[in-house]
Amino acid sequence: MDASQLLSRRLLLVTGKGGVGKSTLAASLALAGSRLGRRTCLVEVEGRQAFSSIFSTAPWDFEEREFRPSLYGLSIDPEASLTEYLSMFYGAQRITKLVARTPAVEFATQAAPGIKDVLLIGKVKEMERRRRDDGQFEYDLIVVDAPPTGRIVNFLAAPDATTELVNVGPVRQQAQTVIDMLTDSSRTAVLLTTLLEEMPVTETADSIRDLTQLGVPLGPVLINRAVQPAMDDAALKHLAGMDREAVQRVLADLGIDDVDASTAEALLDTGHTHLGRLDLAERMRQRVADEIDLPSLELPFVADATRPEEIVTAIAATLEDRL
């Protein structure tokens, strides 16, 4: 699966080390998908309300709502998922709500945290399989802001663990259908997000090895906030050899001759910091190429946007151009 086929799967699970911007990229992917004509649903599973903040909407809950044209969203929680599951298989919704809130059920989900993950993924599976009256799938694209890399393996392995614990019955059958979805490369792709920095690249490479052993299909690595050169190669080379006096001479040639030494030094530090970031990015880019056997898609740092939705919109526009 190369980057050009990024939106060819109906289910994309976006993960990454905390702080690399996985929620921003999940929102950007969903927005790009809806703009490219796909009926899309953006899903959060950790209850952080990241998307209601990004898109300036009311808090998200278990109800799927269209908050942008062809773009729906919801927040999945285990209790609502359990209530829906019991209602689907055993009927009597009022009773199932009471059962879902009993101490026994609460104890079970606390004692076996994987059960919560199965309920969360199970709701995603229900959405992925759901069809409209005309026989078409309800959604062309579902983008899930999945747990971070530190928890993603356990999250995706929970259905498999459930099948080992439960040998028969609807719970076993449902867990197996979730496994079928998660391991089907024609339906699903897990996308890892990283920055061109040491720790995120290391954690991404480690997670890819673990997820490969788990058997889930992996899509392109999303490289977020990739710094871009502020000038051409010749100017960068010239900047690397400059000192404070050289900065003052250049500014004087431009008619700016009242820059004191401290200001010139600050400008020089800013330039050298930029050079350092470019050097780190290039070294990490090489590590990604050497250590990660997956295609990658770089998304540039959005410097001219301040509000979260502006950043998401700018990244979505980049994705549209490339896809």
C-alpha atoms as a PDB file:
ATOM      1  CA  MET A   1       0.000   0.000   0.000  1.00  0.00           C
ATOM      2  CA  ASP A   2       1.714   3.187  -1.154  1.00  0.00           C
ATOM      3  CA  ALA A   3       0.779   6.698  -0.132  1.00  0.00           C
ATOM      4  CA  SER A   4      -1.411   7.262  -3.195  1.00  0.00           C
ATOM      5  CA  GLN A   5      -3.722   4.480  -1.982  1.00  0.00           C
ATOM      6  CA  LEU A   6      -4.011   5.880   1.525  1.00  0.00           C
ATOM      7  CA  LEU A   7      -7.794   6.305   1.353  1.00  0.00           C
ATOM      8  CA  SER A   8      -8.480   3.049  -0.484  1.00  0.00           C
ATOM      9  CA  ARG A   9      -9.329   1.184   2.758  1.00  0.00           C
ATOM     10  CA  ARG A  10     -12.641   1.748   4.498  1.00  0.00           C
ATOM     11  CA  LEU A  11     -11.064   1.712   7.987  1.00  0.00           C
ATOM     12  CA  LEU A  12      -7.960   3.691   8.999  1.00  0.00           C
ATOM     13  CA  LEU A  13      -6.643   3.422  12.559  1.00  0.00           C
ATOM     14  CA  VAL A  14      -4.257   6.286  13.337  1.00  0.00           C
ATOM     15  CA  THR A  15      -1.742   5.855  16.152  1.00  0.00           C
ATOM     16  CA  GLY A  16       1.555   7.352  17.257  1.00  0.00           C
ATOM     17  CA  LYS A  17       3.619   8.379  20.243  1.00  0.00           C
ATOM     18  CA  GLY A  18       1.946  10.975  22.439  1.00  0.00           C
ATOM     19  CA  GLY A  19       2.610  14.485  21.216  1.00  0.00           C
ATOM     20  CA  VAL A  20       3.279  13.701  17.553  1.00  0.00           C
ATOM     21  CA  GLY A  21      -0.122  14.980  16.408  1.00  0.00           C
ATOM     22  CA  LYS A  22      -2.014  11.758  15.681  1.00  0.00           C
ATOM     23  CA  SER A  23      -5.384  13.347  16.480  1.00  0.00           C
ATOM     24  CA  THR A  24      -4.617  16.263  14.162  1.00  0.00           C
ATOM     25  CA  LEU A  25      -3.695  13.884  11.344  1.00  0.00           C
ATOM     26  CA  ALA A  26      -6.733  11.670  11.979  1.00  0.00           C
ATOM     27  CA  ALA A  27      -8.947  14.749  11.667  1.00  0.00           C
ATOM     28  CA  SER A  28      -7.062  15.854   8.544  1.00  0.00           C
ATOM     29  CA  LEU A  29      -7.450  12.445   6.892  1.00  0.00           C
ATOM     30  CA  ALA A  30     -11.177  12.405   7.623  1.00  0.00           C
ATOM     31  CA  LEU A  31     -11.645  15.935   6.310  1.00  0.00           C
ATOM     32  CA  ALA A  32      -9.662  15.123   3.157  1.00  0.00           C
ATOM     33  CA  GLY A  33     -11.722  11.970   2.636  1.00  0.00           C
ATOM     34  CA  SER A  34     -15.013  13.851   2.891  1.00  0.00           C
ATOM     35  CA  ARG A  35     -13.770  16.538   0.495  1.00  0.00           C
ATOM     36  CA  LEU A  36     -12.752  13.854  -1.995  1.00  0.00           C
ATOM     37  CA  GLY A  37     -16.319  12.573  -2.096  1.00  0.00           C
ATOM     38  CA  ARG A  38     -16.264   9.863   0.552  1.00  0.00           C
ATOM     39  CA  ARG A  39     -18.957   9.685   3.192  1.00  0.00           C
ATOM     40  CA  THR A  40     -16.664   9.695   6.228  1.00  0.00           C
ATOM     41  CA  CYS A  41     -16.911   9.129   9.972  1.00  0.00           C
ATOM     42  CA  LEU A  42     -14.245  10.343  12.417  1.00  0.00           C
ATOM     43  CA  VAL A  43     -14.128   8.306  15.631  1.00  0.00           C
ATOM     44  CA  GLU A  44     -12.473   8.869  18.989  1.00  0.00           C
ATOM     45  CA  VAL A  45     -12.163   6.061  21.534  1.00  0.00           C
ATOM     46  CA  GLU A  46     -10.414   7.682  24.499  1.00  0.00           C
ATOM     47  CA  GLY A  47     -12.988  10.294  25.494  1.00  0.00           C
ATOM     48  CA  ARG A  48     -10.529  13.206  25.231  1.00  0.00           C
ATOM     49  CA  GLN A  49     -12.911  15.400  23.204  1.00  0.00           C
ATOM     50  CA  ALA A  50     -10.024  16.358  20.927  1.00  0.00           C
ATOM     51  CA  PHE A  51     -12.254  16.706  17.883  1.00  0.00           C
ATOM     52  CA  SER A  52     -14.976  18.791  19.484  1.00  0.00           C
ATOM     53  CA  SER A  53     -12.157  21.181  20.397  1.00  0.00           C
ATOM     54  CA  ILE A  54     -10.549  21.119  16.931  1.00  0.00           C
ATOM     55  CA  PHE A  55     -13.806  21.695  15.064  1.00  0.00           C
ATOM     56  CA  SER A  56     -15.460  23.916  17.701  1.00  0.00           C
ATOM     57  CA  THR A  57     -18.544  21.725  18.096  1.00  0.00           C
ATOM     58  CA  ALA A  58     -20.594  20.573  21.059  1.00  0.00           C
ATOM     59  CA  PRO A  59     -19.008  17.672  23.001  1.00  0.00           C
ATOM     60  CA  TRP A  60     -19.109  14.409  21.071  1.00  0.00           C
ATOM     61  CA  ASP A  61     -20.974  11.364  22.364  1.00  0.00           C
ATOM     62  CA  PHE A  62     -22.154   7.955  21.149  1.00  0.00           C
ATOM     63  CA  GLU A  63     -24.524   9.457  18.562  1.00  0.00           C
ATOM     64  CA  GLU A  64     -23.156   9.845  15.036  1.00  0.00           C
ATOM     65  CA  ARG A  65     -23.617  13.436  13.892  1.00  0.00           C
ATOM     66  CA  GLU A  66     -22.765  15.216  10.648  1.00  0.00           C
ATOM     67  CA  PHE A  67     -20.674  18.224  11.683  1.00  0.00           C
ATOM     68  CA  ARG A  68     -19.255  19.074   8.246  1.00  0.00           C
ATOM     69  CA  PRO A  69     -20.601  18.121   4.785  1.00  0.00           C
ATOM     70  CA  SER A  70     -20.264  14.323   4.387  1.00  0.00           C
ATOM     71  CA  LEU A  71     -18.191  14.226   7.607  1.00  0.00           C
ATOM     72  CA  TYR A  72     -19.680  12.560  10.675  1.00  0.00           C
ATOM     73  CA  GLY A  73     -18.219  12.028  14.114  1.00  0.00           C
ATOM     74  CA  LEU A  74     -18.776  10.235  17.400  1.00  0.00           C
ATOM     75  CA  SER A  75     -17.030   9.332  20.629  1.00  0.00           C
ATOM     76  CA  ILE A  76     -17.244   5.651  21.571  1.00  0.00           C
ATOM     77  CA  ASP A  77     -17.315   4.629  25.217  1.00  0.00           C
ATOM     78  CA  PRO A  78     -17.420   1.061  26.624  1.00  0.00           C
ATOM     79  CA  GLU A  79     -20.690   1.404  28.566  1.00  0.00           C
ATOM     80  CA  ALA A  80     -22.679   2.674  25.567  1.00  0.00           C
ATOM     81  CA  SER A  81     -21.076  -0.021  23.399  1.00  0.00           C
ATOM     82  CA  LEU A  82     -22.027  -2.712  25.896  1.00  0.00           C
ATOM     83  CA  THR A  83     -25.600  -1.419  26.093  1.00  0.00           C
ATOM     84  CA  GLU A  84     -25.892  -1.490  22.308  1.00  0.00           C
ATOM     85  CA  TYR A  85     -24.323  -4.958  22.132  1.00  0.00           C
ATOM     86  CA  LEU A  86     -26.725  -6.411  24.718  1.00  0.00           C
ATOM     87  CA  SER A  87     -29.674  -4.770  22.992  1.00  0.00           C
ATOM     88  CA  MET A  88     -28.662  -6.170  19.592  1.00  0.00           C
ATOM     89  CA  PHE A  89     -28.233  -9.726  20.809  1.00  0.00           C
ATOM     90  CA  TYR A  90     -30.629  -9.979  23.748  1.00  0.00           C
ATOM     91  CA  GLY A  91     -33.223  -7.234  23.122  1.00  0.00           C
ATOM     92  CA  ALA A  92     -34.999  -5.211  25.810  1.00  0.00           C
ATOM     93  CA  GLN A  93     -32.950  -2.007  25.663  1.00  0.00           C
ATOM     94  CA  ARG A  94     -34.218  -0.694  28.998  1.00  0.00           C
ATOM     95  CA  ILE A  95     -33.084  -3.840  30.751  1.00  0.00           C
ATOM     96  CA  THR A  96     -29.714  -3.897  28.994  1.00  0.00           C
ATOM     97  CA  LYS A  97     -29.010  -0.343  30.163  1.00  0.00           C
ATOM     98  CA  LEU A  98     -29.628  -1.462  33.721  1.00  0.00           C
ATOM     99  CA  VAL A  99     -27.466  -4.549  33.255  1.00  0.00           C
ATOM    100  CA  ALA A 100     -24.641  -2.503  31.742  1.00  0.00           C
ATOM    101  CA  ARG A 101     -24.542  -0.369  34.891  1.00  0.00           C
ATOM    102  CA  THR A 102     -24.559  -3.205  37.422  1.00  0.00           C
ATOM    103  CA  PRO A 103     -21.541  -3.655  39.729  1.00  0.00           C
ATOM    104  CA  ALA A 104     -20.916  -7.089  38.203  1.00  0.00           C
ATOM    105  CA  VAL A 105     -20.415  -5.640  34.723  1.00  0.00           C
ATOM    106  CA  GLU A 106     -18.300  -2.799  36.088  1.00  0.00           C
ATOM    107  CA  PHE A 107     -16.158  -5.309  37.968  1.00  0.00           C
ATOM    108  CA  ALA A 108     -15.735  -7.444  34.841  1.00  0.00           C
ATOM    109  CA  THR A 109     -14.585  -4.532  32.696  1.00  0.00           C
ATOM    110  CA  GLN A 110     -12.211  -3.340  35.416  1.00  0.00           C
ATOM    111  CA  ALA A 111     -10.804  -6.801  36.091  1.00  0.00           C
ATOM    112  CA  ALA A 112     -10.323  -7.511  32.383  1.00  0.00           C
ATOM    113  CA  PRO A 113      -9.413  -4.207  30.712  1.00  0.00           C
ATOM    114  CA  GLY A 114      -9.245  -5.932  27.337  1.00  0.00           C
ATOM    115  CA  ILE A 115     -13.029  -6.304  27.429  1.00  0.00           C
ATOM    116  CA  LYS A 116     -13.347  -2.532  27.129  1.00  0.00           C
ATOM    117  CA  ASP A 117     -11.147  -2.554  24.053  1.00  0.00           C
ATOM    118  CA  VAL A 118     -13.224  -5.329  22.490  1.00  0.00           C
ATOM    119  CA  LEU A 119     -16.374  -3.264  23.063  1.00  0.00           C
ATOM    120  CA  LEU A 120     -14.768  -0.187  21.502  1.00  0.00           C
ATOM    121  CA  ILE A 121     -13.448  -2.030  18.448  1.00  0.00           C
ATOM    122  CA  GLY A 122     -16.692  -3.972  18.195  1.00  0.00           C
ATOM    123  CA  LYS A 123     -18.612  -0.711  17.705  1.00  0.00           C
ATOM    124  CA  VAL A 124     -16.153   0.305  14.967  1.00  0.00           C
ATOM    125  CA  LYS A 125     -16.742  -3.073  13.300  1.00  0.00           C
ATOM    126  CA  GLU A 126     -20.519  -2.561  13.432  1.00  0.00           C
ATOM    127  CA  MET A 127     -20.112   0.793  11.695  1.00  0.00           C
ATOM    128  CA  GLU A 128     -17.730  -0.634   9.103  1.00  0.00           C
ATOM    129  CA  ARG A 129     -20.210  -3.390   8.152  1.00  0.00           C
ATOM    130  CA  ARG A 130     -23.392  -1.329   8.359  1.00  0.00           C
ATOM    131  CA  ARG A 131     -25.322  -0.797   5.117  1.00  0.00           C
ATOM    132  CA  ARG A 132     -27.918   1.718   4.038  1.00  0.00           C
ATOM    133  CA  ASP A 133     -31.325   0.831   2.605  1.00  0.00           C
ATOM    134  CA  ASP A 134     -29.884   0.906  -0.911  1.00  0.00           C
ATOM    135  CA  GLY A 135     -27.363  -1.799   0.010  1.00  0.00           C
ATOM    136  CA  GLN A 136     -24.326   0.504  -0.002  1.00  0.00           C
ATOM    137  CA  PHE A 137     -22.072   0.711   3.027  1.00  0.00           C
ATOM    138  CA  GLU A 138     -23.081   3.446   5.453  1.00  0.00           C
ATOM    139  CA  TYR A 139     -19.583   4.939   5.344  1.00  0.00           C
ATOM    140  CA  ASP A 140     -16.978   4.929   2.604  1.00  0.00           C
ATOM    141  CA  LEU A 141     -14.275   5.807   5.118  1.00  0.00           C
ATOM    142  CA  ILE A 142     -13.945   5.481   8.897  1.00  0.00           C
ATOM    143  CA  VAL A 143     -10.964   7.152  10.568  1.00  0.00           C
ATOM    144  CA  VAL A 144     -10.264   6.149  14.175  1.00  0.00           C
ATOM    145  CA  ASP A 145      -8.057   8.191  16.473  1.00  0.00           C
ATOM    146  CA  ALA A 146      -6.672   5.035  18.084  1.00  0.00           C
ATOM    147  CA  PRO A 147      -4.735   4.783  21.369  1.00  0.00           C
ATOM    148  CA  PRO A 148      -1.056   5.823  21.264  1.00  0.00           C
ATOM    149  CA  THR A 149       1.723   3.402  20.339  1.00  0.00           C
ATOM    150  CA  GLY A 150       2.317   2.545  23.985  1.00  0.00           C
ATOM    151  CA  ARG A 151      -1.138   0.917  24.095  1.00  0.00           C
ATOM    152  CA  ILE A 152      -2.009   0.153  20.492  1.00  0.00           C
ATOM    153  CA  VAL A 153      -0.760  -3.457  20.477  1.00  0.00           C
ATOM    154  CA  ASN A 154      -2.868  -4.438  23.502  1.00  0.00           C
ATOM    155  CA  PHE A 155      -5.815  -2.521  22.044  1.00  0.00           C
ATOM    156  CA  LEU A 156      -5.708  -4.408  18.749  1.00  0.00           C
ATOM    157  CA  ALA A 157      -4.833  -7.742  20.381  1.00  0.00           C
ATOM    158  CA  ALA A 158      -7.855  -7.642  22.739  1.00  0.00           C
ATOM    159  CA  PRO A 159     -10.267  -9.477  20.377  1.00  0.00           C
ATOM    160  CA  ASP A 160      -7.772 -12.309  19.894  1.00  0.00           C
ATOM    161  CA  ALA A 161      -7.341 -12.626  23.653  1.00  0.00           C
ATOM    162  CA  THR A 162     -11.127 -12.775  24.019  1.00  0.00           C
ATOM    163  CA  THR A 163     -11.424 -15.705  21.606  1.00  0.00           C
ATOM    164  CA  GLU A 164      -8.905 -17.591  23.743  1.00  0.00           C
ATOM    165  CA  LEU A 165     -10.994 -16.964  26.876  1.00  0.00           C
ATOM    166  CA  VAL A 166     -14.445 -17.539  25.342  1.00  0.00           C
ATOM    167  CA  ASN A 167     -14.790 -20.603  23.114  1.00  0.00           C
ATOM    168  CA  VAL A 168     -18.469 -20.447  22.163  1.00  0.00           C
ATOM    169  CA  GLY A 169     -21.429 -18.092  21.932  1.00  0.00           C
ATOM    170  CA  PRO A 170     -22.071 -14.626  20.476  1.00  0.00           C
ATOM    171  CA  VAL A 171     -19.150 -13.008  22.325  1.00  0.00           C
ATOM    172  CA  ARG A 172     -16.742 -15.452  20.680  1.00  0.00           C
ATOM    173  CA  GLN A 173     -18.378 -14.926  17.289  1.00  0.00           C
ATOM    174  CA  GLN A 174     -18.278 -11.152  17.581  1.00  0.00           C
ATOM    175  CA  ALA A 175     -14.625 -11.168  18.629  1.00  0.00           C
ATOM    176  CA  GLN A 176     -13.771 -13.305  15.618  1.00  0.00           C
ATOM    177  CA  THR A 177     -15.528 -10.927  13.217  1.00  0.00           C
ATOM    178  CA  VAL A 178     -13.504  -8.070  14.710  1.00  0.00           C
ATOM    179  CA  ILE A 179     -10.284 -10.052  14.185  1.00  0.00           C
ATOM    180  CA  ASP A 180     -11.330 -10.688  10.593  1.00  0.00           C
ATOM    181  CA  MET A 181     -11.754  -6.947  10.056  1.00  0.00           C
ATOM    182  CA  LEU A 182      -8.478  -5.968  11.730  1.00  0.00           C
ATOM    183  CA  THR A 183      -6.418  -8.443   9.715  1.00  0.00           C
ATOM    184  CA  ASP A 184      -8.075  -7.834   6.328  1.00  0.00           C
ATOM    185  CA  SER A 185      -5.770  -5.623   4.258  1.00  0.00           C
ATOM    186  CA  SER A 186      -8.576  -4.885   1.797  1.00  0.00           C
ATOM    187  CA  ARG A 187     -10.632  -3.258   4.571  1.00  0.00           C
ATOM    188  CA  THR A 188      -8.207  -1.950   7.187  1.00  0.00           C
ATOM    189  CA  ALA A 189      -4.885  -0.161   7.571  1.00  0.00           C
ATOM    190  CA  VAL A 190      -3.064   0.976  10.703  1.00  0.00           C
ATOM    191  CA  LEU A 191      -1.244   4.271  10.160  1.00  0.00           C
ATOM    192  CA  LEU A 192       1.627   5.239  12.436  1.00  0.00           C
ATOM    193  CA  THR A 193       2.400   8.914  12.924  1.00  0.00           C
ATOM    194  CA  THR A 194       5.852  10.208  13.769  1.00  0.00           C
ATOM    195  CA  LEU A 195       7.961  13.330  13.869  1.00  0.00           C
ATOM    196  CA  LEU A 196      11.458  13.515  12.433  1.00  0.00           C
ATOM    197  CA  GLU A 197      12.913  13.288  15.932  1.00  0.00           C
ATOM    198  CA  GLU A 198      14.843  10.576  17.794  1.00  0.00           C
ATOM    199  CA  MET A 199      12.251   9.226  20.245  1.00  0.00           C
ATOM    200  CA  PRO A 200       9.206   9.225  17.926  1.00  0.00           C
ATOM    201  CA  VAL A 201      11.157   7.480  15.138  1.00  0.00           C
ATOM    202  CA  THR A 202      12.494   4.862  17.567  1.00  0.00           C
ATOM    203  CA  GLU A 203       9.042   4.183  19.017  1.00  0.00           C
ATOM    204  CA  THR A 204       7.518   4.005  15.546  1.00  0.00           C
ATOM    205  CA  ALA A 205      10.072   1.416  14.401  1.00  0.00           C
ATOM    206  CA  ASP A 206       9.469  -0.667  17.558  1.00  0.00           C
ATOM    207  CA  SER A 207       5.688  -0.462  17.140  1.00  0.00           C
ATOM    208  CA  ILE A 208       5.895  -1.555  13.514  1.00  0.00           C
ATOM    209  CA  ARG A 209       7.744  -4.712  14.553  1.00  0.00           C
ATOM    210  CA  ASP A 210       5.122  -5.478  17.226  1.00  0.00           C
ATOM    211  CA  LEU A 211       2.170  -4.755  14.945  1.00  0.00           C
ATOM    212  CA  THR A 212       3.676  -6.853  12.149  1.00  0.00           C
ATOM    213  CA  GLN A 213       3.850  -9.809  14.550  1.00  0.00           C
ATOM    214  CA  LEU A 214       0.220  -9.163  15.457  1.00  0.00           C
ATOM    215  CA  GLY A 215      -0.740  -9.526  11.790  1.00  0.00           C
ATOM    216  CA  VAL A 216      -2.539  -6.229  11.241  1.00  0.00           C
ATOM    217  CA  PRO A 217      -2.038  -4.487   7.858  1.00  0.00           C
ATOM    218  CA  LEU A 218       0.095  -1.357   8.018  1.00  0.00           C
ATOM    219  CA  GLY A 219      -0.259   1.665   5.781  1.00  0.00           C
ATOM    220  CA  PRO A 220       2.242   4.423   5.025  1.00  0.00           C
ATOM    221  CA  VAL A 221       4.008   6.096   7.941  1.00  0.00           C
ATOM    222  CA  LEU A 222       2.725   9.648   8.352  1.00  0.00           C
ATOM    223  CA  ILE A 223       5.569  12.070   9.059  1.00  0.00           C
ATOM    224  CA  ASN A 224       4.018  15.088  10.735  1.00  0.00           C
ATOM    225  CA  ARG A 225       5.328  18.657  11.024  1.00  0.00           C
ATOM    226  CA  ALA A 226       8.233  18.064   8.636  1.00  0.00           C
ATOM    227  CA  VAL A 227      10.330  21.234   8.721  1.00  0.00           C
ATOM    228  CA  GLN A 228      10.971  22.826   5.321  1.00  0.00           C
ATOM    229  CA  PRO A 229      14.080  24.845   4.349  1.00  0.00           C
ATOM    230  CA  ALA A 230      13.519  28.577   4.725  1.00  0.00           C
ATOM    231  CA  MET A 231      15.917  29.326   1.840  1.00  0.00           C
ATOM    232  CA  ASP A 232      17.698  27.629  -1.030  1.00  0.00           C
ATOM    233  CA  ASP A 233      20.765  25.398  -0.645  1.00  0.00           C
ATOM    234  CA  ALA A 234      23.242  28.140  -1.506  1.00  0.00           C
ATOM    235  CA  ALA A 235      21.796  30.481   1.115  1.00  0.00           C
ATOM    236  CA  LEU A 236      21.753  27.702   3.729  1.00  0.00           C
ATOM    237  CA  LYS A 237      25.413  26.984   3.037  1.00  0.00           C
ATOM    238  CA  HIS A 238      26.247  30.672   3.339  1.00  0.00           C
ATOM    239  CA  LEU A 239      24.295  30.902   6.612  1.00  0.00           C
ATOM    240  CA  ALA A 240      26.290  28.016   8.102  1.00  0.00           C
ATOM    241  CA  GLY A 241      29.527  29.987   7.687  1.00  0.00           C
ATOM    242  CA  MET A 242      28.263  33.331   8.975  1.00  0.00           C
ATOM    243  CA  ASP A 243      29.174  35.047  12.233  1.00  0.00           C
ATOM    244  CA  ARG A 244      27.644  38.082  13.953  1.00  0.00           C
ATOM    245  CA  GLU A 245      29.671  40.588  11.984  1.00  0.00           C
ATOM    246  CA  ALA A 246      28.648  38.930   8.721  1.00  0.00           C
ATOM    247  CA  VAL A 247      24.988  39.260   9.710  1.00  0.00           C
ATOM    248  CA  GLN A 248      25.484  42.966  10.388  1.00  0.00           C
ATOM    249  CA  ARG A 249      27.241  43.446   7.038  1.00  0.00           C
ATOM    250  CA  VAL A 250      24.432  41.696   5.140  1.00  0.00           C
ATOM    251  CA  LEU A 251      21.817  43.814   6.892  1.00  0.00           C
ATOM    252  CA  ALA A 252      23.806  46.964   6.201  1.00  0.00           C
ATOM    253  CA  ASP A 253      23.937  46.040   2.499  1.00  0.00           C
ATOM    254  CA  LEU A 254      20.143  45.864   2.655  1.00  0.00           C
ATOM    255  CA  GLY A 255      19.988  49.339   4.139  1.00  0.00           C
ATOM    256  CA  ILE A 256      19.474  48.166   7.714  1.00  0.00           C
ATOM    257  CA  ASP A 257      22.552  49.588   9.408  1.00  0.00           C
ATOM    258  CA  ASP A 258      21.296  50.239  12.947  1.00  0.00           C
ATOM    259  CA  VAL A 259      21.238  46.596  14.150  1.00  0.00           C
ATOM    260  CA  ASP A 260      23.184  46.228  17.376  1.00  0.00           C
ATOM    261  CA  ALA A 261      25.376  43.248  18.259  1.00  0.00           C
ATOM    262  CA  SER A 262      22.808  41.512  20.486  1.00  0.00           C
ATOM    263  CA  THR A 263      20.098  41.665  17.813  1.00  0.00           C
ATOM    264  CA  ALA A 264      22.489  40.347  15.167  1.00  0.00           C
ATOM    265  CA  GLU A 265      23.486  37.509  17.518  1.00  0.00           C
ATOM    266  CA  ALA A 266      19.826  36.630  18.105  1.00  0.00           C
ATOM    267  CA  LEU A 267      19.194  36.536  14.349  1.00  0.00           C
ATOM    268  CA  LEU A 268      22.238  34.321  13.880  1.00  0.00           C
ATOM    269  CA  ASP A 269      21.057  31.947  16.632  1.00  0.00           C
ATOM    270  CA  THR A 270      17.666  31.685  14.937  1.00  0.00           C
ATOM    271  CA  GLY A 271      19.314  30.791  11.648  1.00  0.00           C
ATOM    272  CA  HIS A 272      21.608  28.209  13.209  1.00  0.00           C
ATOM    273  CA  THR A 273      18.653  26.680  15.083  1.00  0.00           C
ATOM    274  CA  HIS A 274      16.907  26.278  11.739  1.00  0.00           C
ATOM    275  CA  LEU A 275      20.008  24.601  10.300  1.00  0.00           C
ATOM    276  CA  GLY A 276      20.099  22.229  13.283  1.00  0.00           C
ATOM    277  CA  ARG A 277      16.457  21.277  12.777  1.00  0.00           C
ATOM    278  CA  LEU A 278      17.049  20.629   9.098  1.00  0.00           C
ATOM    279  CA  ASP A 279      20.056  18.455   9.912  1.00  0.00           C
ATOM    280  CA  LEU A 280      18.109  16.445  12.510  1.00  0.00           C
ATOM    281  CA  ALA A 281      15.199  16.020  10.105  1.00  0.00           C
ATOM    282  CA  GLU A 282      17.495  14.709   7.370  1.00  0.00           C
ATOM    283  CA  ARG A 283      19.174  12.232   9.744  1.00  0.00           C
ATOM    284  CA  MET A 284      15.790  10.994  10.981  1.00  0.00           C
ATOM    285  CA  ARG A 285      14.493  10.798   7.416  1.00  0.00           C
ATOM    286  CA  GLN A 286      17.404   8.505   6.633  1.00  0.00           C
ATOM    287  CA  ARG A 287      16.626   6.383   9.707  1.00  0.00           C
ATOM    288  CA  VAL A 288      13.039   6.011   8.562  1.00  0.00           C
ATOM    289  CA  ALA A 289      14.288   4.856   5.157  1.00  0.00           C
ATOM    290  CA  ASP A 290      16.826   2.431   6.672  1.00  0.00           C
ATOM    291  CA  GLU A 291      14.807   0.960   9.559  1.00  0.00           C
ATOM    292  CA  ILE A 292      11.180   1.084   8.434  1.00  0.00           C
ATOM    293  CA  ASP A 293      10.126  -1.061   5.501  1.00  0.00           C
ATOM    294  CA  LEU A 294       7.021   0.979   4.716  1.00  0.00           C
ATOM    295  CA  PRO A 295       6.333   3.922   2.426  1.00  0.00           C
ATOM    296  CA  SER A 296       6.079   7.296   4.139  1.00  0.00           C
ATOM    297  CA  LEU A 297       4.125  10.468   3.548  1.00  0.00           C
ATOM    298  CA  GLU A 298       5.569  13.768   4.778  1.00  0.00           C
ATOM    299  CA  LEU A 299       3.213  16.517   5.872  1.00  0.00           C
ATOM    300  CA  PRO A 300       4.812  19.930   6.301  1.00  0.00           C
ATOM    301  CA  PHE A 301       4.781  22.076   9.397  1.00  0.00           C
ATOM    302  CA  VAL A 302       1.926  24.576   9.036  1.00  0.00           C
ATOM    303  CA  ALA A 303       3.542  27.851  10.031  1.00  0.00           C
ATOM    304  CA  ASP A 304       0.850  30.306   8.945  1.00  0.00           C
ATOM    305  CA  ALA A 305      -2.059  28.869  10.959  1.00  0.00           C
ATOM    306  CA  THR A 306      -2.795  29.255  14.658  1.00  0.00           C
ATOM    307  CA  ARG A 307      -6.233  27.729  15.288  1.00  0.00           C
ATOM    308  CA  PRO A 308      -6.471  23.897  15.351  1.00  0.00           C
ATOM    309  CA  GLU A 309      -9.106  23.772  12.605  1.00  0.00           C
ATOM    310  CA  GLU A 310      -6.944  25.980  10.354  1.00  0.00           C
ATOM    311  CA  ILE A 311      -4.048  23.539  10.809  1.00  0.00           C
ATOM    312  CA  VAL A 312      -6.273  20.533  10.093  1.00  0.00           C
ATOM    313  CA  THR A 313      -7.723  22.230   7.012  1.00  0.00           C
ATOM    314  CA  ALA A 314      -4.261  23.069   5.672  1.00  0.00           C
ATOM    315  CA  ILE A 315      -3.022  19.483   6.168  1.00  0.00           C
ATOM    316  CA  ALA A 316      -6.215  18.128   4.583  1.00  0.00           C
ATOM    317  CA  ALA A 317      -5.565  20.318   1.528  1.00  0.00           C
ATOM    318  CA  THR A 318      -2.042  18.868   1.264  1.00  0.00           C
ATOM    319  CA  LEU A 319      -3.467  15.349   1.501  1.00  0.00           C
ATOM    320  CA  GLU A 320      -6.031  16.118  -1.208  1.00  0.00           C
ATOM    321  CA  ASP A 321      -3.277  17.308  -3.537  1.00  0.00           C
ATOM    322  CA  ARG A 322      -1.177  14.194  -2.965  1.00  0.00           C
ATOM    323  CA  LEU A 323      -3.992  11.649  -3.059  1.00  0.00           C
END
